[in-house]
């Protein structure tokens, strides 16, 4: 019995160590951003998304909350996600000329970071029914398309501002690995999108237009389903709940 408990505890710590690798990926993202190695950074984005998309499954499977009760895995996850989904993408954009020059570029990079500080610290950022509340700080995804679509600094700055505002708008966004509604479809499409991300990155600077278009269709689907489920949940609330 004691050996089983020790094995379970080791497994729990290994899951946390797996999550911690995201912090190293973030460090490499920043390093290669300043080296101008944009495609390398995008590969690191992909690796971080794979880690983030799988560590939760592992944590639940190995019951890490039970076997490692003194360690806050949710806090660790937030720290790593902030670094890889918010901080590093802004470094990539700012360091490689995708934002306006001078002080304006620094402001444009700072706005999403401040908005994401709020997003990652709010207690209801992940709802009880497993949605993200407010734009879930997918700045790595936005940075990816800024590079792929070769958007100019002004367009990029406007997009950063719009999505920073959406952090504070109470729309419920699908949490692909947790939202119960359409779970199989959502996970299948999210996995295919990650595959498209890899193909596009490998083909840069001249990716296949059909692959890019298909990946954008997934984003349209994700947004549409999120808005639909938000509207549906609002309609289903009783007057007393409202």
C-alpha atoms as a PDB file:
ATOM      1  CA  UNK A   1       0.000   0.000   0.000  1.00  0.00           C
ATOM      2  CA  UNK A   2       2.819   2.397   0.933  1.00  0.00           C
ATOM      3  CA  UNK A   3       4.669   1.620  -2.313  1.00  0.00           C
ATOM      4  CA  UNK A   4       1.518   2.363  -4.288  1.00  0.00           C
ATOM      5  CA  UNK A   5       1.127   5.723  -2.547  1.00  0.00           C
ATOM      6  CA  UNK A   6       4.753   6.663  -3.257  1.00  0.00           C
ATOM      7  CA  UNK A   7       4.366   5.679  -6.911  1.00  0.00           C
ATOM      8  CA  UNK A   8       1.204   7.773  -7.195  1.00  0.00           C
ATOM      9  CA  UNK A   9       2.953  10.755  -5.619  1.00  0.00           C
ATOM     10  CA  UNK A  10       5.892  10.444  -8.016  1.00  0.00           C
ATOM     11  CA  UNK A  11       3.470  10.290 -10.933  1.00  0.00           C
ATOM     12  CA  UNK A  12       1.760  13.423  -9.636  1.00  0.00           C
ATOM     13  CA  UNK A  13       5.034  15.317  -9.422  1.00  0.00           C
ATOM     14  CA  UNK A  14       5.986  14.171 -12.921  1.00  0.00           C
ATOM     15  CA  UNK A  15       2.749  15.666 -14.237  1.00  0.00           C
ATOM     16  CA  UNK A  16       3.607  18.966 -12.542  1.00  0.00           C
ATOM     17  CA  UNK A  17       7.117  18.766 -14.000  1.00  0.00           C
ATOM     18  CA  UNK A  18       5.556  18.285 -17.431  1.00  0.00           C
ATOM     19  CA  UNK A  19       3.529  21.468 -16.943  1.00  0.00           C
ATOM     20  CA  UNK A  20       6.654  23.280 -15.744  1.00  0.00           C
ATOM     21  CA  UNK A  21       8.364  22.631 -19.081  1.00  0.00           C
ATOM     22  CA  UNK A  22       6.115  25.373 -20.420  1.00  0.00           C
ATOM     23  CA  UNK A  23       8.141  27.948 -18.494  1.00  0.00           C
ATOM     24  CA  UNK A  24      11.291  26.763 -20.268  1.00  0.00           C
ATOM     25  CA  UNK A  25       9.491  26.926 -23.610  1.00  0.00           C
ATOM     26  CA  UNK A  26       8.520  30.527 -22.789  1.00  0.00           C
ATOM     27  CA  UNK A  27      12.145  31.393 -22.032  1.00  0.00           C
ATOM     28  CA  UNK A  28      13.186  29.942 -25.384  1.00  0.00           C
ATOM     29  CA  UNK A  29      10.385  31.874 -27.112  1.00  0.00           C
ATOM     30  CA  UNK A  30      11.735  35.139 -25.766  1.00  0.00           C
ATOM     31  CA  UNK A  31      15.321  34.227 -26.620  1.00  0.00           C
ATOM     32  CA  UNK A  32      14.574  33.280 -30.215  1.00  0.00           C
ATOM     33  CA  UNK A  33      12.255  36.263 -30.645  1.00  0.00           C
ATOM     34  CA  UNK A  34      15.193  38.566 -30.058  1.00  0.00           C
ATOM     35  CA  UNK A  35      17.257  36.445 -32.443  1.00  0.00           C
ATOM     36  CA  UNK A  36      14.643  37.087 -35.121  1.00  0.00           C
ATOM     37  CA  UNK A  37      13.954  33.368 -35.523  1.00  0.00           C
ATOM     38  CA  UNK A  38      10.209  33.727 -35.916  1.00  0.00           C
ATOM     39  CA  UNK A  39       9.485  30.238 -37.204  1.00  0.00           C
ATOM     40  CA  UNK A  40      11.370  28.669 -34.298  1.00  0.00           C
ATOM     41  CA  UNK A  41       9.170  30.653 -31.925  1.00  0.00           C
ATOM     42  CA  UNK A  42       6.042  29.403 -33.688  1.00  0.00           C
ATOM     43  CA  UNK A  43       7.220  25.804 -33.238  1.00  0.00           C
ATOM     44  CA  UNK A  44       7.687  26.567 -29.558  1.00  0.00           C
ATOM     45  CA  UNK A  45       4.132  27.996 -29.488  1.00  0.00           C
ATOM     46  CA  UNK A  46       2.903  24.686 -30.845  1.00  0.00           C
ATOM     47  CA  UNK A  47       4.859  22.681 -28.277  1.00  0.00           C
ATOM     48  CA  UNK A  48       3.442  24.836 -25.475  1.00  0.00           C
ATOM     49  CA  UNK A  49      -0.112  24.349 -26.750  1.00  0.00           C
ATOM     50  CA  UNK A  50       0.378  20.587 -26.849  1.00  0.00           C
ATOM     51  CA  UNK A  51       1.642  20.610 -23.257  1.00  0.00           C
ATOM     52  CA  UNK A  52      -1.247  22.832 -22.167  1.00  0.00           C
ATOM     53  CA  UNK A  53      -3.763  20.661 -23.989  1.00  0.00           C
ATOM     54  CA  UNK A  54      -2.577  17.413 -22.437  1.00  0.00           C
ATOM     55  CA  UNK A  55      -1.389  18.174 -18.907  1.00  0.00           C
ATOM     56  CA  UNK A  56      -4.949  18.568 -17.638  1.00  0.00           C
ATOM     57  CA  UNK A  57      -5.876  15.077 -18.844  1.00  0.00           C
ATOM     58  CA  UNK A  58      -2.802  13.699 -17.103  1.00  0.00           C
ATOM     59  CA  UNK A  59      -3.515  15.625 -13.915  1.00  0.00           C
ATOM     60  CA  UNK A  60      -7.042  14.249 -13.714  1.00  0.00           C
ATOM     61  CA  UNK A  61      -5.933  10.725 -14.620  1.00  0.00           C
ATOM     62  CA  UNK A  62      -3.238  10.628 -11.932  1.00  0.00           C
ATOM     63  CA  UNK A  63      -5.395  12.559  -9.423  1.00  0.00           C
ATOM     64  CA  UNK A  64      -2.641  15.047  -8.679  1.00  0.00           C
ATOM     65  CA  UNK A  65      -4.825  17.142  -6.366  1.00  0.00           C
ATOM     66  CA  UNK A  66      -5.157  14.114  -4.109  1.00  0.00           C
ATOM     67  CA  UNK A  67      -1.637  12.680  -4.293  1.00  0.00           C
ATOM     68  CA  UNK A  68       0.185  16.061  -4.163  1.00  0.00           C
ATOM     69  CA  UNK A  69      -2.202  18.100  -1.985  1.00  0.00           C
ATOM     70  CA  UNK A  70       0.314  20.762  -0.948  1.00  0.00           C
ATOM     71  CA  UNK A  71       1.026  22.008  -4.472  1.00  0.00           C
ATOM     72  CA  UNK A  72      -1.318  24.263  -6.459  1.00  0.00           C
ATOM     73  CA  UNK A  73      -1.311  22.875  -9.993  1.00  0.00           C
ATOM     74  CA  UNK A  74      -3.939  25.375 -11.143  1.00  0.00           C
ATOM     75  CA  UNK A  75      -1.705  28.274 -10.122  1.00  0.00           C
ATOM     76  CA  UNK A  76       1.244  26.668 -11.912  1.00  0.00           C
ATOM     77  CA  UNK A  77      -0.888  26.261 -15.017  1.00  0.00           C
ATOM     78  CA  UNK A  78      -1.882  29.939 -14.924  1.00  0.00           C
ATOM     79  CA  UNK A  79       1.733  31.078 -14.548  1.00  0.00           C
ATOM     80  CA  UNK A  80       2.890  28.962 -17.477  1.00  0.00           C
ATOM     81  CA  UNK A  81      -0.084  29.929 -19.645  1.00  0.00           C
ATOM     82  CA  UNK A  82       0.485  33.628 -18.973  1.00  0.00           C
ATOM     83  CA  UNK A  83       4.092  33.306 -20.085  1.00  0.00           C
ATOM     84  CA  UNK A  84       3.409  31.241 -23.200  1.00  0.00           C
ATOM     85  CA  UNK A  85       0.027  32.620 -24.300  1.00  0.00           C
ATOM     86  CA  UNK A  86       0.492  36.302 -23.428  1.00  0.00           C
ATOM     87  CA  UNK A  87       3.987  37.459 -22.508  1.00  0.00           C
ATOM     88  CA  UNK A  88       6.078  35.620 -25.110  1.00  0.00           C
ATOM     89  CA  UNK A  89       3.726  36.413 -28.040  1.00  0.00           C
ATOM     90  CA  UNK A  90       3.938  40.136 -27.255  1.00  0.00           C
ATOM     91  CA  UNK A  91       7.728  39.901 -27.155  1.00  0.00           C
ATOM     92  CA  UNK A  92       7.665  38.174 -30.545  1.00  0.00           C
ATOM     93  CA  UNK A  93       5.520  40.871 -32.133  1.00  0.00           C
ATOM     94  CA  UNK A  94       7.354  43.808 -30.581  1.00  0.00           C
ATOM     95  CA  UNK A  95      10.873  42.494 -31.180  1.00  0.00           C
ATOM     96  CA  UNK A  96      10.260  41.698 -34.831  1.00  0.00           C
ATOM     97  CA  UNK A  97       8.617  44.860 -36.113  1.00  0.00           C
ATOM     98  CA  UNK A  98       4.978  43.747 -36.156  1.00  0.00           C
ATOM     99  CA  UNK A  99       3.949  46.630 -33.879  1.00  0.00           C
ATOM    100  CA  UNK A 100       4.229  50.397 -34.407  1.00  0.00           C
ATOM    101  CA  UNK A 101       7.640  51.932 -33.771  1.00  0.00           C
ATOM    102  CA  UNK A 102       8.822  53.692 -30.644  1.00  0.00           C
ATOM    103  CA  UNK A 103       6.800  54.085 -27.487  1.00  0.00           C
ATOM    104  CA  UNK A 104       3.563  53.221 -29.321  1.00  0.00           C
ATOM    105  CA  UNK A 105       4.821  49.692 -29.924  1.00  0.00           C
ATOM    106  CA  UNK A 106       5.557  49.226 -26.238  1.00  0.00           C
ATOM    107  CA  UNK A 107       2.088  50.447 -25.320  1.00  0.00           C
ATOM    108  CA  UNK A 108       0.491  48.098 -27.846  1.00  0.00           C
ATOM    109  CA  UNK A 109       2.419  45.172 -26.360  1.00  0.00           C
ATOM    110  CA  UNK A 110       1.617  46.188 -22.786  1.00  0.00           C
ATOM    111  CA  UNK A 111      -2.160  46.481 -23.195  1.00  0.00           C
ATOM    112  CA  UNK A 112      -2.763  42.734 -23.782  1.00  0.00           C
ATOM    113  CA  UNK A 113      -0.409  41.891 -20.912  1.00  0.00           C
ATOM    114  CA  UNK A 114      -2.335  44.060 -18.470  1.00  0.00           C
ATOM    115  CA  UNK A 115      -5.672  42.702 -19.723  1.00  0.00           C
ATOM    116  CA  UNK A 116      -4.363  39.163 -19.317  1.00  0.00           C
ATOM    117  CA  UNK A 117      -3.230  39.912 -15.746  1.00  0.00           C
ATOM    118  CA  UNK A 118      -6.897  40.519 -15.025  1.00  0.00           C
ATOM    119  CA  UNK A 119      -8.003  37.469 -17.018  1.00  0.00           C
ATOM    120  CA  UNK A 120      -5.643  35.051 -15.262  1.00  0.00           C
ATOM    121  CA  UNK A 121      -6.432  36.343 -11.781  1.00  0.00           C
ATOM    122  CA  UNK A 122     -10.225  36.511 -11.890  1.00  0.00           C
ATOM    123  CA  UNK A 123     -11.804  33.691  -9.901  1.00  0.00           C
ATOM    124  CA  UNK A 124     -14.493  33.046 -12.510  1.00  0.00           C
ATOM    125  CA  UNK A 125     -12.155  32.977 -15.538  1.00  0.00           C
ATOM    126  CA  UNK A 126     -13.001  29.280 -15.858  1.00  0.00           C
ATOM    127  CA  UNK A 127     -16.674  28.797 -15.179  1.00  0.00           C
ATOM    128  CA  UNK A 128     -18.257  25.940 -13.241  1.00  0.00           C
ATOM    129  CA  UNK A 129     -19.604  24.518 -16.512  1.00  0.00           C
ATOM    130  CA  UNK A 130     -16.107  24.588 -18.023  1.00  0.00           C
ATOM    131  CA  UNK A 131     -16.019  27.622 -20.271  1.00  0.00           C
ATOM    132  CA  UNK A 132     -13.600  30.532 -20.389  1.00  0.00           C
ATOM    133  CA  UNK A 133     -15.272  33.812 -19.416  1.00  0.00           C
ATOM    134  CA  UNK A 134     -14.021  36.655 -21.569  1.00  0.00           C
ATOM    135  CA  UNK A 135     -11.502  36.330 -24.381  1.00  0.00           C
ATOM    136  CA  UNK A 136      -9.162  33.605 -23.078  1.00  0.00           C
ATOM    137  CA  UNK A 137      -5.875  35.367 -23.866  1.00  0.00           C
ATOM    138  CA  UNK A 138      -5.073  33.433 -27.020  1.00  0.00           C
ATOM    139  CA  UNK A 139      -2.441  36.019 -27.928  1.00  0.00           C
ATOM    140  CA  UNK A 140      -0.196  33.298 -29.335  1.00  0.00           C
ATOM    141  CA  UNK A 141      -2.894  32.462 -31.877  1.00  0.00           C
ATOM    142  CA  UNK A 142      -3.302  36.121 -32.810  1.00  0.00           C
ATOM    143  CA  UNK A 143       0.476  36.525 -33.159  1.00  0.00           C
ATOM    144  CA  UNK A 144       0.591  33.426 -35.361  1.00  0.00           C
ATOM    145  CA  UNK A 145      -1.909  34.885 -37.829  1.00  0.00           C
ATOM    146  CA  UNK A 146      -0.263  38.312 -37.759  1.00  0.00           C
ATOM    147  CA  UNK A 147       2.862  36.592 -39.055  1.00  0.00           C
ATOM    148  CA  UNK A 148       1.156  34.182 -41.445  1.00  0.00           C
ATOM    149  CA  UNK A 149      -1.091  36.850 -42.989  1.00  0.00           C
ATOM    150  CA  UNK A 150       1.695  39.452 -42.889  1.00  0.00           C
ATOM    151  CA  UNK A 151      -0.499  42.034 -41.197  1.00  0.00           C
ATOM    152  CA  UNK A 152       0.835  45.554 -40.833  1.00  0.00           C
ATOM    153  CA  UNK A 153       1.614  47.281 -37.522  1.00  0.00           C
ATOM    154  CA  UNK A 154      -1.537  49.409 -37.568  1.00  0.00           C
ATOM    155  CA  UNK A 155      -3.849  46.457 -38.216  1.00  0.00           C
ATOM    156  CA  UNK A 156      -2.052  44.434 -35.550  1.00  0.00           C
ATOM    157  CA  UNK A 157      -2.348  47.251 -33.025  1.00  0.00           C
ATOM    158  CA  UNK A 158      -6.091  47.553 -33.677  1.00  0.00           C
ATOM    159  CA  UNK A 159      -6.590  43.796 -33.271  1.00  0.00           C
ATOM    160  CA  UNK A 160      -4.679  43.779 -29.998  1.00  0.00           C
ATOM    161  CA  UNK A 161      -6.875  46.595 -28.714  1.00  0.00           C
ATOM    162  CA  UNK A 162     -10.115  44.893 -29.772  1.00  0.00           C
ATOM    163  CA  UNK A 163      -9.237  41.571 -28.177  1.00  0.00           C
ATOM    164  CA  UNK A 164      -7.959  43.278 -25.025  1.00  0.00           C
ATOM    165  CA  UNK A 165     -11.433  44.800 -24.639  1.00  0.00           C
ATOM    166  CA  UNK A 166     -13.012  41.382 -25.244  1.00  0.00           C
ATOM    167  CA  UNK A 167     -11.158  40.056 -22.190  1.00  0.00           C
ATOM    168  CA  UNK A 168     -13.613  42.104 -20.106  1.00  0.00           C
ATOM    169  CA  UNK A 169     -16.770  41.217 -22.074  1.00  0.00           C
ATOM    170  CA  UNK A 170     -18.613  38.322 -20.359  1.00  0.00           C
ATOM    171  CA  UNK A 171     -18.836  36.013 -23.357  1.00  0.00           C
ATOM    172  CA  UNK A 172     -18.303  32.331 -22.599  1.00  0.00           C
ATOM    173  CA  UNK A 173     -15.688  30.747 -24.847  1.00  0.00           C
ATOM    174  CA  UNK A 174     -15.394  27.015 -25.417  1.00  0.00           C
ATOM    175  CA  UNK A 175     -12.742  25.249 -23.355  1.00  0.00           C
ATOM    176  CA  UNK A 176     -12.051  22.512 -25.933  1.00  0.00           C
ATOM    177  CA  UNK A 177     -10.818  19.835 -23.533  1.00  0.00           C
ATOM    178  CA  UNK A 178     -13.462  20.484 -20.845  1.00  0.00           C
ATOM    179  CA  UNK A 179     -16.680  21.961 -22.305  1.00  0.00           C
ATOM    180  CA  UNK A 180     -19.184  19.104 -22.400  1.00  0.00           C
ATOM    181  CA  UNK A 181     -21.340  20.394 -25.260  1.00  0.00           C
ATOM    182  CA  UNK A 182     -20.022  19.127 -28.619  1.00  0.00           C
ATOM    183  CA  UNK A 183     -16.901  17.817 -26.837  1.00  0.00           C
ATOM    184  CA  UNK A 184     -15.954  15.236 -29.458  1.00  0.00           C
ATOM    185  CA  UNK A 185     -16.408  17.641 -32.351  1.00  0.00           C
ATOM    186  CA  UNK A 186     -14.581  20.443 -30.563  1.00  0.00           C
ATOM    187  CA  UNK A 187     -11.622  18.247 -29.643  1.00  0.00           C
ATOM    188  CA  UNK A 188     -11.415  16.785 -33.140  1.00  0.00           C
ATOM    189  CA  UNK A 189     -11.421  20.208 -34.777  1.00  0.00           C
ATOM    190  CA  UNK A 190      -8.951  21.625 -32.241  1.00  0.00           C
ATOM    191  CA  UNK A 191      -6.573  18.737 -32.948  1.00  0.00           C
ATOM    192  CA  UNK A 192      -6.899  19.276 -36.694  1.00  0.00           C
ATOM    193  CA  UNK A 193      -6.200  22.978 -36.161  1.00  0.00           C
ATOM    194  CA  UNK A 194      -2.984  22.127 -34.319  1.00  0.00           C
ATOM    195  CA  UNK A 195      -2.042  19.959 -37.293  1.00  0.00           C
ATOM    196  CA  UNK A 196      -2.759  22.871 -39.639  1.00  0.00           C
ATOM    197  CA  UNK A 197      -0.644  25.120 -37.403  1.00  0.00           C
ATOM    198  CA  UNK A 198       2.273  22.712 -37.862  1.00  0.00           C
ATOM    199  CA  UNK A 199       1.816  22.503 -41.634  1.00  0.00           C
ATOM    200  CA  UNK A 200       1.581  26.278 -42.016  1.00  0.00           C
ATOM    201  CA  UNK A 201       4.638  26.853 -39.842  1.00  0.00           C
ATOM    202  CA  UNK A 202       6.642  24.311 -41.831  1.00  0.00           C
ATOM    203  CA  UNK A 203       5.643  26.024 -45.086  1.00  0.00           C
ATOM    204  CA  UNK A 204       6.456  29.591 -44.030  1.00  0.00           C
ATOM    205  CA  UNK A 205       6.985  32.096 -45.554  1.00  0.00           C
ATOM    206  CA  UNK A 206       4.687  30.779 -48.296  1.00  0.00           C
ATOM    207  CA  UNK A 207       2.066  28.510 -46.698  1.00  0.00           C
ATOM    208  CA  UNK A 208      -0.658  26.758 -48.670  1.00  0.00           C
ATOM    209  CA  UNK A 209      -3.658  29.081 -48.932  1.00  0.00           C
ATOM    210  CA  UNK A 210      -6.156  26.250 -48.487  1.00  0.00           C
ATOM    211  CA  UNK A 211      -4.554  25.155 -45.237  1.00  0.00           C
ATOM    212  CA  UNK A 212      -4.523  28.726 -43.957  1.00  0.00           C
ATOM    213  CA  UNK A 213      -8.147  29.179 -45.005  1.00  0.00           C
ATOM    214  CA  UNK A 214      -9.166  25.926 -43.339  1.00  0.00           C
ATOM    215  CA  UNK A 215      -7.464  26.955 -40.107  1.00  0.00           C
ATOM    216  CA  UNK A 216      -9.314  30.271 -40.175  1.00  0.00           C
ATOM    217  CA  UNK A 217     -12.604  28.430 -40.657  1.00  0.00           C
ATOM    218  CA  UNK A 218     -11.942  26.625 -37.392  1.00  0.00           C
ATOM    219  CA  UNK A 219     -11.526  29.984 -35.642  1.00  0.00           C
ATOM    220  CA  UNK A 220     -14.818  31.112 -37.141  1.00  0.00           C
ATOM    221  CA  UNK A 221     -16.454  27.898 -35.906  1.00  0.00           C
ATOM    222  CA  UNK A 222     -14.939  28.300 -32.427  1.00  0.00           C
ATOM    223  CA  UNK A 223     -16.165  31.884 -32.163  1.00  0.00           C
ATOM    224  CA  UNK A 224     -19.613  31.058 -33.523  1.00  0.00           C
ATOM    225  CA  UNK A 225     -20.128  28.094 -31.168  1.00  0.00           C
ATOM    226  CA  UNK A 226     -18.915  30.153 -28.203  1.00  0.00           C
ATOM    227  CA  UNK A 227     -21.344  32.983 -28.987  1.00  0.00           C
ATOM    228  CA  UNK A 228     -24.183  30.510 -29.575  1.00  0.00           C
ATOM    229  CA  UNK A 229     -23.584  28.708 -26.270  1.00  0.00           C
ATOM    230  CA  UNK A 230     -23.319  32.032 -24.436  1.00  0.00           C
ATOM    231  CA  UNK A 231     -26.671  33.130 -25.888  1.00  0.00           C
ATOM    232  CA  UNK A 232     -28.224  29.733 -25.128  1.00  0.00           C
ATOM    233  CA  UNK A 233     -27.117  29.790 -21.502  1.00  0.00           C
ATOM    234  CA  UNK A 234     -28.431  33.339 -21.098  1.00  0.00           C
ATOM    235  CA  UNK A 235     -31.861  32.352 -22.463  1.00  0.00           C
ATOM    236  CA  UNK A 236     -32.009  29.307 -20.196  1.00  0.00           C
ATOM    237  CA  UNK A 237     -31.461  31.363 -17.021  1.00  0.00           C
ATOM    238  CA  UNK A 238     -34.557  32.016 -14.979  1.00  0.00           C
ATOM    239  CA  UNK A 239     -35.554  35.625 -14.104  1.00  0.00           C
ATOM    240  CA  UNK A 240     -34.433  34.988 -10.529  1.00  0.00           C
ATOM    241  CA  UNK A 241     -30.982  33.902 -11.708  1.00  0.00           C
ATOM    242  CA  UNK A 242     -30.662  36.953 -13.928  1.00  0.00           C
END
